[in-house]
Structures are given as C-alpha cells and as structure tokens.
Amino acid sequence: MGEHPGVRDNESTRDMSKRQLIDDIRRYNTTASPQFLSQFDEAALKQYLDHLEGAVRKRVHIASFVRKKPRLRMVS
C-alpha cells in the first residue's frame, strides 16, 4: 500500500472476488448500486477499481463528487 489508505497495488486486485471488488468500488463511488455493478464481469470491475484508485493517487476529483461552492459577490 502507498501513502493513501485503502488504495491497493494493482497486483492485489487480481485475486479479489467479485463481491470484494464491488465493495471496494462502492467505497469510492457510493452512487453505484451493487445490483448495477454485479452485471459486469470481474475483469471489468477490476479495471474500474484500478481507475478509481488511480484517480485517488493522482488526487483527481470526479466532478459528480465535488460540491460546487456558491460564488460570493460584493453588493454595494
């Protein structure tokens, strides 16, 4: 594991069960339902989990998870 807790090296995702992959994906993407994710095979789930973990490592914010701050304007 690197500096981000919960982020695994790609090698360790190879031996995960489908259920474990879905659980880990939902830690990053809580809007993805288990029923939706279960439609995909393990290879696709591993690829998506790797993508999410890579985004965390790069500190990329996914727009749907970032709340927009209201713009403050000066009133005279």
Protein backbone atom coordinates (compact mmCIF):
# COMPACT_ATOMS: atom_id res chain seq x y z
CA MET A 1 0.00 0.00 0.00
CA GLY A 2 1.10 3.50 -0.74
CA GLU A 3 0.50 6.73 1.07
CA HIS A 4 -3.28 6.52 0.60
CA PRO A 5 -5.01 4.12 2.97
CA GLY A 6 -7.30 1.72 1.17
CA VAL A 7 -5.54 2.10 -2.18
CA ARG A 8 -4.09 -1.21 -3.28
CA ASP A 9 -1.38 -2.02 -5.73
CA ASN A 10 -2.79 -3.39 -9.00
CA GLU A 11 -1.33 -6.82 -8.27
CA SER A 12 -3.51 -7.35 -5.20
CA THR A 13 -6.77 -6.72 -7.11
CA ARG A 14 -6.11 -9.80 -9.28
CA ASP A 15 -7.20 -12.29 -6.61
CA MET A 16 -10.26 -10.45 -5.31
CA SER A 17 -13.73 -11.96 -5.57
CA LYS A 18 -16.48 -10.18 -7.46
CA ARG A 19 -18.15 -9.27 -4.13
CA GLN A 20 -14.90 -7.76 -2.80
CA LEU A 21 -14.43 -5.75 -6.00
CA ILE A 22 -17.96 -4.36 -5.75
CA ASP A 23 -17.49 -3.47 -2.08
CA ASP A 24 -14.22 -1.67 -2.83
CA ILE A 25 -15.71 0.19 -5.81
CA ARG A 26 -18.56 1.40 -3.61
CA ARG A 27 -16.06 2.90 -1.16
CA TYR A 28 -15.07 5.30 -3.95
CA ASN A 29 -18.37 5.53 -5.84
CA THR A 30 -21.26 5.30 -3.42
CA THR A 31 -23.77 6.08 -6.17
CA ALA A 32 -23.05 2.79 -7.98
CA SER A 33 -25.51 0.19 -6.71
CA PRO A 34 -24.36 -3.38 -6.08
CA GLN A 35 -27.10 -4.58 -8.45
CA PHE A 36 -25.71 -2.40 -11.26
CA LEU A 37 -22.10 -3.41 -10.63
CA SER A 38 -22.94 -7.12 -10.46
CA GLN A 39 -23.87 -7.00 -14.17
CA PHE A 40 -20.17 -6.66 -15.07
CA ASP A 41 -17.58 -9.42 -15.12
CA GLU A 42 -14.61 -9.46 -12.76
CA ALA A 43 -12.20 -8.13 -15.39
CA ALA A 44 -14.35 -5.03 -15.99
CA LEU A 45 -14.78 -4.46 -12.26
CA LYS A 46 -11.02 -4.75 -11.70
CA GLN A 47 -10.39 -2.25 -14.48
CA TYR A 48 -12.89 0.22 -12.98
CA LEU A 49 -11.46 -0.22 -9.46
CA ASP A 50 -7.95 0.39 -10.80
CA HIS A 51 -9.24 3.55 -12.50
CA LEU A 52 -10.81 4.82 -9.27
CA GLU A 53 -7.70 4.05 -7.23
CA GLY A 54 -5.51 5.75 -9.84
CA ALA A 55 -7.67 8.85 -9.60
CA VAL A 56 -7.22 8.88 -5.82
CA ARG A 57 -3.46 8.51 -6.18
CA LYS A 58 -3.40 11.41 -8.62
CA ARG A 59 -5.78 13.36 -6.41
CA VAL A 60 -8.20 13.78 -9.26
CA HIS A 61 -11.65 14.92 -8.24
CA ILE A 62 -14.55 13.48 -10.15
CA ALA A 63 -16.98 16.31 -10.88
CA SER A 64 -20.04 14.45 -9.62
CA PHE A 65 -18.47 14.08 -6.17
CA VAL A 66 -17.30 17.69 -5.76
CA ARG A 67 -19.77 20.15 -4.34
CA LYS A 68 -19.72 23.45 -6.07
CA LYS A 69 -19.19 26.41 -3.81
CA PRO A 70 -21.54 29.34 -4.27
CA ARG A 71 -19.91 32.37 -5.82
CA LEU A 72 -19.84 35.28 -3.47
CA ARG A 73 -20.47 38.68 -4.96
CA MET A 74 -19.92 42.08 -3.46
CA VAL A 75 -23.03 44.14 -3.00
CA SER A 76 -22.65 47.88 -2.90
